[in-house]
Amino acid sequence: MSINKNIPKTKTLKGITVSPGIEMAKVWKIVENCDEVRVKPRSIDETEIGLEISRFNRAIKTSYEQLESLKKMVEKRLGEKEAGIFKSHLLILEDPHFRSTVLELLHSQKKNIEHVISEVIKKFSLMFSMLDDNIMRERSADIRDVGQRILKNILVDCQQALEPDEKVIIVAHELVPSITVKASDNILGFAVEHGEMMSHASILARSMNIPAIVGIENICAEASTGDTIIIDGTNSLVIINPTNRVIAEYKRIQIEYSVIKDDLKTASKMPSVTTDNHEIKLLANINKVSDIELAKQYNASGIGLFRTEFFFMSVEKMPSEEEQYIMYKNVIQDAGGNEVTIRVLDIGADKTLPYFVMPQECNPQLGWRGIRVLLSELSLFKTQIKAILRASAHGHVRILLPMISSVSEVVEALDIIEEARFELCGRSPVEGRIEVGAMIEVPAAVFILDEIARHVDFFSIGTNDLIQYMLAVDRNNSRVANFYEPLHPAVMNVIKMIVDVAARNKKEVVLCGELAGDTLFTMILMGLGVRKLSMNPTAIPGVRKVIRSVSLSKCAEIAKDILKIQCMHESKKYLKENVFPFLDCTIGN
């Protein structure tokens, strides 16, 4: 009896769901770190040589633009001498001998361009490494670095544009914002080896309503591009090359899942009012213009957080004032008169831009990020502010300053906003005074809230980073992920403190972290005094259903009890007894 060895073996792997949902498609595997790329030779015929040369030329052009940008930025920050390394890299790209060697090998070997470049880089690197002159030997490392850049840009060209012509699920080593933000409509999900629930990329996947599972050991080794894969966010499972019977079962489950989502959409048309007639405003967190439609679909009261950094991450060069203005105007107009809170560029840590050099830091979470970057890069900051001020003529706009830790940062930022307004006078209509708020996500800010309140119009509680900094837990570090505990007594008490200080100063508070969309915390947050929650649009229906099913007095009672409990184990036990049953009977959790 013969056995067909070509039948792929089914493999089931376990991970951690960071964005719910169930999807089934072909695998598209991405290797993010080009140091790990093992370029395989592939034979091509004479008619394909022109295409390979075009890919080579595009990668060279992109690499040149990147290195020019890096050189200019380093010259500006550190000086011409320090930028010399990038000049030498540019010379390698311009070297006619390097180019001619690549093209000659391409024609003689008739192999894919990645393989040819890899071979040429090895040859040149080895040649320089064997020279007697120390300086010339060092060029070997430069050649390898430039070679990796070219290879990466070829991979970006063919893989990471994330524009497949069929439905696929991305398999990768790590879920990073720069990949997630470029996902097209044909990207149905993510299955990756590394990542955490509270990483920016995971948050982005949730906001885009794309299922994602992280922490899947050996997924890159087990899955190959073209394999059939199922991601089951309900059970945190990934099934590679499932049998026909398993595929049929998951198709049935998808239909049931779709019915549940449709029921929640229907419930979204109802007002978010408690049983004792208190309104809780539900707003949407968005990352791009198209997210507005999802916010409208779930009946959001406005945009509580527009994360502008993801627009910056989705383009190849720093957007101009005009490009930003058009994008902000579209968001504001699409919001239909509802408020739009625009957070100015918040980069740093795991949120980087391909064309903007960030320093290598031992602890980037505590490094150069948020408002610190903007106050150092005044041209970047002022350009964005001008675009927002111009766009404010089209609707109700508010500006949000990220990662505030001192009053001086607020004052300096406000001065820059006024300078931008003054410079716009005469060339562009600007609305009257625009509201400016402070993101409260650094513990230091909590203890000077009364002083900050004198300068801003509202507070926005960013629980994702606030919890990270309060509990000294790197939210991207899987080894300490279990210490990231929103129910920690310190977290609950500090939210209450912020709400009370805001009330005393007659300032509005919006809570816009992931906690806002977690139905387990809805009653607690309402009981602590939060009246405005901003979340991923898809979380709105579930939160709204909780709000419509409970009285505010009941929420206040639960929050009061939680604040008294000093042990998290006791808090969890309390929620299990007092909140879980309620959720079971109201939203089917």
Protein backbone atom coordinates (compact mmCIF):
# COMPACT_ATOMS: atom_id res chain seq x y z
CA MET A 1 0.00 0.00 0.00
CA SER A 2 1.54 3.32 -1.07
CA ILE A 3 1.46 6.41 1.11
CA ASN A 4 1.26 9.88 -0.42
CA LYS A 5 4.14 11.70 1.27
CA ASN A 6 3.04 15.02 -0.26
CA ILE A 7 -0.04 15.30 1.97
CA PRO A 8 0.82 18.03 4.51
CA LYS A 9 0.63 17.00 8.14
CA THR A 10 -1.88 18.79 10.36
CA LYS A 11 -0.27 20.67 13.24
CA THR A 12 -2.09 22.38 16.13
CA LEU A 13 -0.25 25.03 18.13
CA LYS A 14 -1.26 27.02 21.20
CA GLY A 15 -0.74 30.75 21.75
CA ILE A 16 -2.22 33.82 23.41
CA THR A 17 -5.14 35.65 21.81
CA VAL A 18 -4.52 39.41 21.64
CA SER A 19 -7.29 40.20 19.16
CA PRO A 20 -10.37 37.93 19.00
CA GLY A 21 -11.93 36.26 16.01
CA ILE A 22 -11.80 33.15 13.86
CA GLU A 23 -10.32 33.17 10.37
CA MET A 24 -9.09 30.68 7.78
CA ALA A 25 -6.79 31.38 4.81
CA LYS A 26 -3.41 30.69 3.23
CA VAL A 27 -0.19 31.48 5.11
CA TRP A 28 1.95 34.45 4.10
CA LYS A 29 5.18 34.18 6.08
CA ILE A 30 7.23 37.31 6.75
CA VAL A 31 10.80 37.42 7.98
CA GLU A 32 11.10 40.81 9.65
CA ASN A 33 14.77 40.64 10.61
CA CYS A 34 16.87 40.30 7.49
CA ASP A 35 19.82 38.98 9.50
CA GLU A 36 17.74 35.81 9.76
CA VAL A 37 16.96 35.57 6.06
CA ARG A 38 18.23 32.45 4.39
CA VAL A 39 18.09 33.42 0.72
CA LYS A 40 17.30 30.40 -1.40
CA PRO A 41 18.45 30.31 -5.03
CA ARG A 42 15.66 30.14 -7.58
CA SER A 43 16.26 29.63 -11.27
CA ILE A 44 14.79 32.18 -13.66
CA ASP A 45 14.58 32.26 -17.45
CA GLU A 46 15.79 34.97 -19.82
CA THR A 47 12.41 36.72 -19.89
CA GLU A 48 12.49 37.29 -16.10
CA ILE A 49 15.86 39.05 -15.99
CA GLY A 50 14.33 42.46 -16.72
CA LEU A 51 11.92 42.05 -13.80
CA GLU A 52 14.76 41.09 -11.44
CA ILE A 53 16.77 44.15 -12.55
CA SER A 54 13.75 46.36 -11.82
CA ARG A 55 13.50 44.89 -8.31
CA PHE A 56 17.22 45.53 -7.81
CA ASN A 57 16.92 49.15 -9.01
CA ARG A 58 13.95 49.84 -6.72
CA ALA A 59 15.82 48.42 -3.72
CA ILE A 60 18.91 50.51 -4.52
CA LYS A 61 16.79 53.67 -4.88
CA THR A 62 14.97 53.02 -1.59
CA SER A 63 18.24 52.24 0.20
CA TYR A 64 19.80 55.44 -1.14
CA GLU A 65 16.87 57.56 0.06
CA GLN A 66 16.98 55.94 3.50
CA LEU A 67 20.72 56.50 3.88
CA GLU A 68 20.48 60.11 2.68
CA SER A 69 17.76 60.75 5.27
CA LEU A 70 19.85 59.11 8.00
CA LYS A 71 22.93 61.10 7.02
CA LYS A 72 21.08 64.43 7.14
CA MET A 73 19.49 63.62 10.48
CA VAL A 74 22.76 62.55 12.10
CA GLU A 75 24.51 65.65 10.69
CA LYS A 76 21.83 67.83 12.25
CA ARG A 77 21.96 66.13 15.64
CA LEU A 78 25.57 65.04 16.05
CA GLY A 79 27.63 66.70 13.34
CA GLU A 80 29.20 66.02 9.96
CA LYS A 81 31.94 63.74 11.32
CA GLU A 82 29.49 61.34 12.96
CA ALA A 83 27.45 61.23 9.73
CA GLY A 84 30.51 59.99 7.84
CA ILE A 85 29.51 56.34 8.21
CA PHE A 86 26.42 56.94 6.09
CA LYS A 87 28.48 58.73 3.44
CA SER A 88 30.60 55.59 3.10
CA HIS A 89 27.44 53.47 2.84
CA LEU A 90 26.17 55.74 0.06
CA LEU A 91 29.48 55.32 -1.78
CA ILE A 92 29.03 51.54 -1.70
CA LEU A 93 25.60 51.92 -3.31
CA GLU A 94 27.09 54.22 -5.97
CA ASP A 95 30.04 51.92 -6.69
CA PRO A 96 29.79 50.97 -10.40
CA HIS A 97 31.87 47.82 -9.80
CA PHE A 98 29.31 46.56 -7.23
CA ARG A 99 26.43 47.16 -9.64
CA SER A 100 28.17 45.65 -12.65
CA THR A 101 29.16 42.56 -10.63
CA VAL A 102 25.53 42.01 -9.58
CA LEU A 103 24.23 42.37 -13.15
CA GLU A 104 26.93 40.12 -14.62
CA LEU A 105 26.18 37.38 -12.10
CA LEU A 106 22.45 37.76 -12.70
CA HIS A 107 22.89 37.19 -16.43
CA SER A 108 25.38 34.34 -16.05
CA GLN A 109 23.68 32.40 -13.23
CA LYS A 110 20.07 33.24 -14.07
CA LYS A 111 19.10 33.12 -10.39
CA ASN A 112 16.73 35.35 -8.38
CA ILE A 113 18.15 38.77 -7.53
CA GLU A 114 18.14 38.13 -3.74
CA HIS A 115 20.48 35.19 -4.21
CA VAL A 116 22.73 37.13 -6.58
CA ILE A 117 23.04 40.11 -4.20
CA SER A 118 23.73 37.79 -1.29
CA GLU A 119 26.54 36.10 -3.24
CA VAL A 120 28.10 39.41 -4.31
CA ILE A 121 27.96 40.80 -0.77
CA LYS A 122 29.68 37.67 0.56
CA LYS A 123 32.38 37.97 -2.11
CA PHE A 124 33.06 41.67 -1.49
CA SER A 125 32.93 41.30 2.29
CA LEU A 126 35.38 38.39 2.26
CA MET A 127 37.72 40.26 -0.06
CA PHE A 128 37.92 43.31 2.26
CA SER A 129 38.18 41.21 5.43
CA MET A 130 41.42 39.63 4.12
CA LEU A 131 43.21 42.96 3.53
CA ASP A 132 46.13 44.01 5.76
CA ASP A 133 44.92 47.58 6.24
CA ASN A 134 42.72 47.88 9.39
CA ILE A 135 40.56 50.66 7.94
CA MET A 136 39.93 48.71 4.75
CA ARG A 137 39.10 45.58 6.77
CA GLU A 138 36.42 47.59 8.60
CA ARG A 139 34.76 48.22 5.24
CA SER A 140 33.78 44.53 5.31
CA ALA A 141 31.19 45.25 8.01
CA ASP A 142 29.93 48.29 6.05
CA ILE A 143 29.45 46.16 2.96
CA ARG A 144 27.46 43.54 4.92
CA ASP A 145 25.32 46.29 6.48
CA VAL A 146 24.53 47.86 3.10
CA GLY A 147 23.86 44.41 1.65
CA GLN A 148 21.37 43.63 4.42
CA ARG A 149 19.64 46.97 3.76
CA ILE A 150 19.29 46.18 0.05
CA LEU A 151 17.99 42.67 0.79
CA LYS A 152 15.50 44.01 3.33
CA ASN A 153 14.19 46.53 0.82
CA ILE A 154 13.75 43.79 -1.75
CA LEU A 155 11.76 41.83 0.85
CA VAL A 156 9.73 44.94 1.65
CA ASP A 157 9.05 45.25 -2.06
CA CYS A 158 7.80 41.68 -2.44
CA GLN A 159 6.50 40.79 1.03
CA GLN A 160 6.00 43.56 3.51
CA ALA A 161 3.91 45.84 1.35
CA LEU A 162 1.22 43.54 2.73
CA GLU A 163 -0.91 43.77 -0.38
CA PRO A 164 -1.49 40.14 -1.36
CA ASP A 165 -3.90 39.42 -4.19
CA GLU A 166 -5.70 36.77 -2.13
CA LYS A 167 -6.90 36.36 1.45
CA VAL A 168 -3.99 35.45 3.74
CA ILE A 169 -2.96 35.14 7.38
CA ILE A 170 0.41 36.62 8.27
CA VAL A 171 2.90 34.36 10.06
CA ALA A 172 5.92 36.16 11.53
CA HIS A 173 8.45 36.13 14.36
CA GLU A 174 6.95 39.22 15.97
CA LEU A 175 3.88 41.40 15.66
CA VAL A 176 5.25 44.93 15.29
CA PRO A 177 3.35 48.16 14.56
CA SER A 178 5.21 48.80 11.30
CA ILE A 179 3.81 45.53 9.89
CA THR A 180 0.34 45.73 11.43
CA VAL A 181 -0.36 49.28 10.28
CA LYS A 182 0.25 48.37 6.61
CA ALA A 183 -2.25 45.51 6.58
CA SER A 184 -4.54 45.55 3.54
CA ASP A 185 -8.10 44.19 3.29
CA ASN A 186 -6.72 40.80 2.26
CA ILE A 187 -4.94 40.35 5.61
CA LEU A 188 -7.36 38.27 7.69
CA GLY A 189 -5.19 37.63 10.75
CA PHE A 190 -1.79 37.38 12.43
CA ALA A 191 -0.11 34.32 13.96
CA VAL A 192 3.27 35.15 15.48
CA GLU A 193 5.93 33.71 17.79
CA HIS A 194 6.49 36.74 20.01
CA GLY A 195 4.29 39.55 21.33
CA GLU A 196 2.21 40.67 24.28
CA MET A 197 -1.42 41.55 24.94
CA MET A 198 -0.64 45.20 25.68
CA SER A 199 1.93 45.89 22.96
CA HIS A 200 1.08 48.67 20.52
CA ALA A 201 0.92 46.19 17.64
CA SER A 202 -1.64 44.05 19.52
CA ILE A 203 -3.71 47.12 20.32
CA LEU A 204 -3.54 48.10 16.65
CA ALA A 205 -4.73 44.64 15.56
CA ARG A 206 -7.71 44.91 17.92
CA SER A 207 -8.59 48.37 16.65
CA MET A 208 -8.43 47.09 13.06
CA ASN A 209 -10.68 44.17 14.04
CA ILE A 210 -8.08 41.67 12.78
CA PRO A 211 -7.74 38.41 14.79
CA ALA A 212 -4.25 37.90 16.19
CA ILE A 213 -2.57 35.21 18.27
CA VAL A 214 0.93 35.68 19.69
CA GLY A 215 3.34 33.51 21.67
CA ILE A 216 3.01 30.58 19.26
CA GLU A 217 6.18 28.59 19.74
CA ASN A 218 7.90 27.54 16.48
CA ILE A 219 5.12 28.84 14.24
CA CYS A 220 7.70 30.15 11.74
CA ALA A 221 9.35 26.75 11.54
CA GLU A 222 6.08 24.81 11.29
CA ALA A 223 4.24 26.99 8.73
CA SER A 224 5.23 27.80 5.16
CA THR A 225 3.84 30.33 2.72
CA GLY A 226 0.89 28.72 0.93
CA ASP A 227 -0.14 26.38 3.77
CA THR A 228 -3.77 26.50 4.86
CA ILE A 229 -4.11 27.87 8.38
CA ILE A 230 -6.93 28.48 10.88
CA ILE A 231 -6.58 30.96 13.73
CA ASP A 232 -9.07 30.37 16.51
CA GLY A 233 -9.04 33.39 18.82
CA THR A 234 -11.68 31.86 21.07
CA ASN A 235 -9.45 28.97 22.10
CA SER A 236 -6.08 30.60 21.27
CA LEU A 237 -5.31 27.86 18.74
CA VAL A 238 -3.59 27.82 15.38
CA ILE A 239 -4.22 24.84 13.10
CA ILE A 240 -1.82 24.39 10.18
CA ASN A 241 -3.05 22.30 7.21
CA PRO A 242 -6.35 21.25 8.84
CA THR A 243 -8.30 18.26 7.57
CA ASN A 244 -11.46 18.78 5.49
CA ARG A 245 -13.56 17.82 8.50
CA VAL A 246 -11.92 20.47 10.69
CA ILE A 247 -12.33 23.09 7.93
CA ALA A 248 -16.06 22.28 7.65
CA GLU A 249 -16.51 22.60 11.43
CA TYR A 250 -14.78 25.97 11.56
CA LYS A 251 -16.90 27.27 8.67
CA ARG A 252 -19.95 26.43 10.77
CA ILE A 253 -18.44 28.20 13.82
CA GLN A 254 -17.68 31.28 11.69
CA ILE A 255 -21.35 31.53 10.73
CA GLU A 256 -22.38 31.43 14.41
CA TYR A 257 -19.72 34.01 15.27
CA SER A 258 -21.03 36.29 12.53
CA VAL A 259 -24.59 36.08 13.92
CA ILE A 260 -23.37 37.11 17.39
CA LYS A 261 -21.52 40.11 15.93
CA ASP A 262 -24.63 41.16 13.98
CA ASP A 263 -26.69 41.05 17.19
CA LEU A 264 -24.18 43.32 18.91
CA LYS A 265 -24.28 45.76 15.99
CA THR A 266 -28.06 45.95 16.34
CA ALA A 267 -27.67 46.73 20.06
CA SER A 268 -25.26 49.54 19.15
CA LYS A 269 -28.13 51.69 17.92
CA MET A 270 -29.41 52.05 21.47
CA PRO A 271 -28.20 54.92 23.72
CA SER A 272 -25.54 54.16 26.34
CA VAL A 273 -27.67 55.02 29.36
CA THR A 274 -27.81 53.18 32.70
CA THR A 275 -31.02 51.81 34.17
CA ASP A 276 -31.17 54.84 36.50
CA ASN A 277 -30.84 57.19 33.50
CA HIS A 278 -27.17 58.28 33.60
CA GLU A 279 -25.46 58.67 30.23
CA ILE A 280 -21.96 57.30 29.70
CA LYS A 281 -20.36 58.61 26.52
CA LEU A 282 -18.63 55.98 24.40
CA LEU A 283 -16.04 57.22 21.93
CA ALA A 284 -13.74 55.46 19.47
CA ASN A 285 -9.97 55.12 19.32
CA ILE A 286 -8.85 55.25 15.67
CA ASN A 287 -5.59 54.93 13.74
CA LYS A 288 -6.57 55.98 10.23
CA VAL A 289 -9.30 57.75 8.25
CA SER A 290 -11.11 54.54 7.27
CA ASP A 291 -11.61 53.65 10.97
CA ILE A 292 -14.25 56.39 11.13
CA GLU A 293 -16.70 54.15 9.29
CA LEU A 294 -16.30 51.47 11.95
CA ALA A 295 -16.81 54.09 14.68
CA LYS A 296 -20.05 55.20 13.00
CA GLN A 297 -21.15 51.60 12.54
CA TYR A 298 -20.95 51.09 16.30
CA ASN A 299 -22.58 54.45 17.05
CA ALA A 300 -19.59 56.10 18.76
CA SER A 301 -20.24 59.58 20.18
CA GLY A 302 -17.02 60.88 18.67
CA ILE A 303 -13.31 60.16 18.37
CA GLY A 304 -11.74 60.10 21.81
CA LEU A 305 -8.24 59.24 20.55
CA PHE A 306 -6.82 59.60 17.06
CA ARG A 307 -3.36 58.00 17.19
CA THR A 308 -1.60 60.04 14.49
CA GLU A 309 1.65 58.07 14.72
CA PHE A 310 0.15 55.23 12.70
CA PHE A 311 -0.41 57.58 9.77
CA PHE A 312 3.25 58.57 10.00
CA MET A 313 4.23 54.89 10.14
CA SER A 314 2.23 54.04 7.02
CA VAL A 315 4.10 56.43 4.70
CA GLU A 316 7.65 56.30 3.32
CA LYS A 317 8.76 59.84 4.25
CA MET A 318 7.85 62.57 6.73
CA PRO A 319 4.41 63.87 5.70
CA SER A 320 4.23 67.56 4.82
CA GLU A 321 1.90 70.08 6.47
CA GLU A 322 -0.42 69.89 3.46
CA GLU A 323 -0.53 66.07 3.48
CA GLN A 324 -1.32 66.07 7.19
CA TYR A 325 -3.93 68.81 6.82
CA ILE A 326 -5.82 66.83 4.16
CA MET A 327 -5.78 63.68 6.30
CA TYR A 328 -6.96 65.49 9.48
CA LYS A 329 -9.64 67.35 7.51
CA ASN A 330 -11.00 64.06 6.15
CA VAL A 331 -11.19 62.55 9.65
CA ILE A 332 -12.90 65.64 11.07
CA GLN A 333 -15.42 65.90 8.24
CA ASP A 334 -16.20 62.18 8.38
CA ALA A 335 -16.86 62.51 12.13
CA GLY A 336 -19.95 64.51 11.20
CA GLY A 337 -19.70 67.26 13.81
CA ASN A 338 -18.74 64.97 16.70
CA GLU A 339 -15.62 65.79 18.70
CA VAL A 340 -12.26 64.54 17.40
CA THR A 341 -9.36 64.39 19.85
CA ILE A 342 -6.10 64.29 17.91
CA ARG A 343 -3.09 63.04 19.85
CA VAL A 344 0.06 64.60 18.45
CA LEU A 345 2.79 62.28 17.24
CA ASP A 346 3.61 59.74 19.95
CA ILE A 347 6.65 57.76 18.84
CA GLY A 348 9.36 55.93 20.75
CA ALA A 349 9.82 52.48 22.31
CA ASP A 350 8.17 50.02 19.86
CA LYS A 351 6.66 52.76 17.67
CA THR A 352 9.30 53.88 15.19
CA LEU A 353 9.33 55.56 11.79
CA PRO A 354 11.43 54.13 8.91
CA TYR A 355 12.68 57.60 7.94
CA PHE A 356 13.31 59.05 11.43
CA VAL A 357 16.32 57.91 13.43
CA MET A 358 15.64 56.99 17.04
CA PRO A 359 18.57 56.46 19.42
CA GLN A 360 19.48 52.96 20.57
CA GLU A 361 18.45 52.96 24.23
CA CYS A 362 18.84 50.39 27.00
CA ASN A 363 15.28 51.05 28.16
CA PRO A 364 13.30 52.79 25.41
CA GLN A 365 10.07 52.65 27.44
CA LEU A 366 11.70 55.18 29.78
CA GLY A 367 13.58 56.98 27.04
CA TRP A 368 13.12 59.51 24.28
CA ARG A 369 9.45 59.24 23.41
CA GLY A 370 6.16 61.13 23.32
CA ILE A 371 6.29 64.83 24.15
CA ARG A 372 10.06 64.57 24.74
CA VAL A 373 10.63 63.91 21.04
CA LEU A 374 8.29 66.71 19.94
CA LEU A 375 9.87 69.33 22.18
CA SER A 376 13.28 68.34 20.80
CA GLU A 377 12.14 68.31 17.16
CA LEU A 378 10.32 71.65 16.97
CA SER A 379 9.96 71.70 13.19
CA LEU A 380 8.23 68.30 13.23
CA PHE A 381 5.95 69.36 16.11
CA LYS A 382 5.05 72.76 14.69
CA THR A 383 4.29 71.32 11.25
CA GLN A 384 1.80 68.90 12.76
CA ILE A 385 0.21 71.58 14.94
CA LYS A 386 -0.25 73.89 11.93
CA ALA A 387 -1.96 71.09 10.00
CA ILE A 388 -4.30 70.38 12.95
CA LEU A 389 -5.11 74.07 13.47
CA ARG A 390 -5.97 74.48 9.80
CA ALA A 391 -8.14 71.34 9.88
CA SER A 392 -9.95 72.56 13.01
CA ALA A 393 -11.95 74.91 10.76
CA HIS A 394 -13.88 71.83 9.61
CA GLY A 395 -15.27 70.62 12.95
CA HIS A 396 -14.86 70.12 16.69
CA VAL A 397 -11.18 69.36 17.29
CA ARG A 398 -9.13 68.91 20.44
CA ILE A 399 -5.36 68.41 20.78
CA LEU A 400 -3.91 65.82 23.15
CA LEU A 401 -0.32 65.93 24.43
CA PRO A 402 1.26 62.49 25.13
CA MET A 403 3.43 61.35 28.02
CA ILE A 404 3.27 64.53 30.10
CA SER A 405 5.39 64.34 33.28
CA SER A 406 5.81 68.01 34.22
CA VAL A 407 4.03 71.37 34.05
CA SER A 408 6.94 72.86 32.07
CA GLU A 409 6.30 70.37 29.23
CA VAL A 410 2.69 71.54 29.02
CA VAL A 411 3.64 75.22 29.09
CA GLU A 412 6.31 74.76 26.41
CA ALA A 413 3.91 72.80 24.19
CA LEU A 414 1.22 75.48 24.58
CA ASP A 415 3.73 78.16 23.59
CA ILE A 416 4.57 76.22 20.42
CA ILE A 417 0.88 75.86 19.61
CA GLU A 418 0.46 79.63 19.93
CA GLU A 419 3.54 80.24 17.78
CA ALA A 420 2.08 77.97 15.10
CA ARG A 421 -1.23 79.83 15.27
CA PHE A 422 0.55 83.18 14.89
CA GLU A 423 2.57 81.94 11.90
CA LEU A 424 -0.64 80.75 10.23
CA CYS A 425 -2.31 84.15 10.55
CA GLY A 426 -2.91 85.69 7.17
CA ARG A 427 -2.43 82.52 5.10
CA SER A 428 -5.00 80.14 6.51
CA PRO A 429 -8.22 80.47 8.52
CA VAL A 430 -7.86 79.16 12.07
CA GLU A 431 -10.77 78.57 14.42
CA GLY A 432 -10.89 80.31 17.80
CA ARG A 433 -9.16 78.82 20.80
CA ILE A 434 -8.72 75.06 20.48
CA GLU A 435 -8.98 72.78 23.52
CA VAL A 436 -5.73 71.13 24.63
CA GLY A 437 -5.53 68.15 26.97
CA ALA A 438 -2.83 66.19 28.77
CA MET A 439 -2.43 62.44 28.57
CA ILE A 440 -2.07 61.14 32.11
CA GLU A 441 0.08 58.04 31.76
CA VAL A 442 3.17 58.87 33.83
CA PRO A 443 2.80 58.52 37.64
CA ALA A 444 4.57 61.86 38.23
CA ALA A 445 1.73 63.66 36.45
CA VAL A 446 -0.83 62.22 38.85
CA PHE A 447 0.78 64.02 41.79
CA ILE A 448 0.85 67.43 40.08
CA LEU A 449 -2.59 67.24 38.49
CA ASP A 450 -3.86 70.37 40.21
CA GLU A 451 -1.01 72.37 38.64
CA ILE A 452 -1.44 70.74 35.21
CA ALA A 453 -5.17 71.48 35.41
CA ARG A 454 -4.43 75.21 35.44
CA HIS A 455 -3.05 74.95 31.90
CA VAL A 456 -5.18 72.33 30.11
CA ASP A 457 -8.84 71.84 29.25
CA PHE A 458 -9.18 68.12 29.86
CA PHE A 459 -7.39 64.96 31.00
CA SER A 460 -7.12 61.69 29.12
CA ILE A 461 -6.14 58.66 31.18
CA GLY A 462 -3.84 56.37 29.20
CA THR A 463 -4.13 53.23 31.30
CA ASN A 464 -1.84 51.12 29.08
CA ASP A 465 1.31 53.06 29.96
CA LEU A 466 0.05 54.25 33.35
CA ILE A 467 -0.19 50.63 34.55
CA GLN A 468 3.19 49.81 33.01
CA TYR A 469 4.94 52.67 34.80
CA MET A 470 3.09 52.31 38.10
CA LEU A 471 3.82 48.61 38.41
CA ALA A 472 7.30 48.73 36.78
CA VAL A 473 6.22 46.18 34.15
CA ASP A 474 7.46 46.34 30.57
CA ARG A 475 4.28 45.55 28.69
CA ASN A 476 6.31 44.07 25.78
CA ASN A 477 8.23 41.65 28.02
CA SER A 478 6.63 38.20 28.17
CA ARG A 479 8.67 37.26 31.27
CA VAL A 480 6.85 39.85 33.39
CA ALA A 481 3.50 39.92 31.58
CA ASN A 482 1.72 38.30 34.53
CA PHE A 483 2.67 41.32 36.68
CA TYR A 484 0.75 43.66 34.36
CA GLU A 485 -2.36 43.72 36.53
CA PRO A 486 -5.04 46.42 35.97
CA LEU A 487 -6.86 45.25 39.09
CA HIS A 488 -3.88 46.15 41.30
CA PRO A 489 -5.12 48.32 44.22
CA ALA A 490 -2.66 51.08 43.28
CA VAL A 491 -4.13 51.27 39.76
CA MET A 492 -7.70 51.41 40.98
CA ASN A 493 -6.87 54.10 43.54
CA VAL A 494 -4.92 56.25 41.11
CA ILE A 495 -7.81 56.27 38.61
CA LYS A 496 -10.09 57.41 41.41
CA MET A 497 -7.53 60.09 42.37
CA ILE A 498 -7.39 61.44 38.80
CA VAL A 499 -11.19 61.56 38.52
CA ASP A 500 -11.51 63.38 41.85
CA VAL A 501 -8.83 65.99 41.03
CA ALA A 502 -10.42 66.60 37.62
CA ALA A 503 -13.84 67.12 39.25
CA ARG A 504 -12.33 69.52 41.77
CA ASN A 505 -10.82 71.56 38.94
CA LYS A 506 -13.91 71.23 36.73
CA LYS A 507 -12.00 69.39 34.03
CA GLU A 508 -13.35 66.61 31.87
CA VAL A 509 -11.80 63.12 32.08
CA VAL A 510 -11.71 60.57 29.29
CA LEU A 511 -10.31 57.08 29.88
CA CYS A 512 -8.86 55.84 26.60
CA GLY A 513 -6.65 52.82 27.40
CA GLU A 514 -7.51 49.20 26.67
CA LEU A 515 -9.24 49.08 30.05
CA ALA A 516 -12.04 51.21 28.58
CA GLY A 517 -13.11 48.40 26.23
CA ASP A 518 -12.84 45.56 28.77
CA THR A 519 -16.38 44.74 29.93
CA LEU A 520 -14.99 43.25 33.14
CA PHE A 521 -13.99 46.78 34.22
CA THR A 522 -16.94 48.76 32.84
CA MET A 523 -18.90 48.77 36.09
CA ILE A 524 -15.79 49.56 38.17
CA LEU A 525 -14.80 52.51 35.98
CA MET A 526 -18.31 53.94 36.04
CA GLY A 527 -18.35 53.52 39.82
CA LEU A 528 -15.02 55.36 40.09
CA GLY A 529 -16.60 58.36 38.37
CA VAL A 530 -15.52 57.93 34.75
CA ARG A 531 -18.26 59.21 32.44
CA LYS A 532 -16.43 59.12 29.13
CA LEU A 533 -14.77 55.98 27.74
CA SER A 534 -12.82 55.79 24.48
CA MET A 535 -12.04 52.37 23.03
CA ASN A 536 -11.53 50.32 19.89
CA PRO A 537 -14.81 50.62 17.94
CA THR A 538 -15.47 46.87 18.03
CA ALA A 539 -15.51 46.95 21.85
CA ILE A 540 -18.32 49.53 21.98
CA PRO A 541 -21.31 47.15 21.63
CA GLY A 542 -20.29 44.94 24.56
CA VAL A 543 -19.56 47.91 26.83
CA ARG A 544 -22.81 49.59 25.81
CA LYS A 545 -24.77 46.46 26.70
CA VAL A 546 -23.24 46.41 30.19
CA ILE A 547 -24.07 50.10 30.70
CA ARG A 548 -27.70 49.60 29.66
CA SER A 549 -28.08 46.67 32.02
CA VAL A 550 -26.95 48.19 35.33
CA SER A 551 -27.62 51.16 37.58
CA LEU A 552 -24.91 53.71 38.35
CA SER A 553 -25.62 53.21 42.05
CA LYS A 554 -24.74 49.51 41.71
CA CYS A 555 -21.50 50.46 39.94
CA ALA A 556 -20.59 52.90 42.73
CA GLU A 557 -21.17 50.15 45.28
CA ILE A 558 -18.85 47.75 43.42
CA ALA A 559 -16.13 50.40 42.99
CA LYS A 560 -16.32 51.30 46.68
CA ASP A 561 -15.81 47.67 47.62
CA ILE A 562 -12.92 47.21 45.17
CA LEU A 563 -11.08 50.25 46.61
CA LYS A 564 -11.22 48.69 50.07
CA ILE A 565 -9.65 45.40 48.96
CA GLN A 566 -5.85 45.46 49.14
CA CYS A 567 -5.16 41.97 47.81
CA MET A 568 -5.57 41.26 44.10
CA HIS A 569 -6.56 37.67 44.76
CA GLU A 570 -9.42 38.95 46.91
CA SER A 571 -10.36 41.50 44.23
CA LYS A 572 -10.56 38.77 41.60
CA LYS A 573 -12.65 36.64 43.91
CA TYR A 574 -14.96 39.60 44.49
CA LEU A 575 -15.37 40.19 40.75
CA LYS A 576 -16.01 36.51 40.15
CA GLU A 577 -18.82 36.60 42.68
CA ASN A 578 -20.30 40.03 41.91
CA VAL A 579 -19.50 40.93 38.31
CA PHE A 580 -19.01 37.66 36.42
CA PRO A 581 -22.58 36.43 36.95
CA PHE A 582 -23.87 39.76 35.73
CA LEU A 583 -21.76 39.57 32.58
CA ASP A 584 -22.86 35.96 32.02
CA CYS A 585 -26.49 36.96 31.91
CA THR A 586 -26.10 40.25 30.03
CA ILE A 587 -23.56 39.71 27.25
CA GLY A 588 -22.99 35.98 27.28
CA ASN A 589 -19.35 36.16 28.52
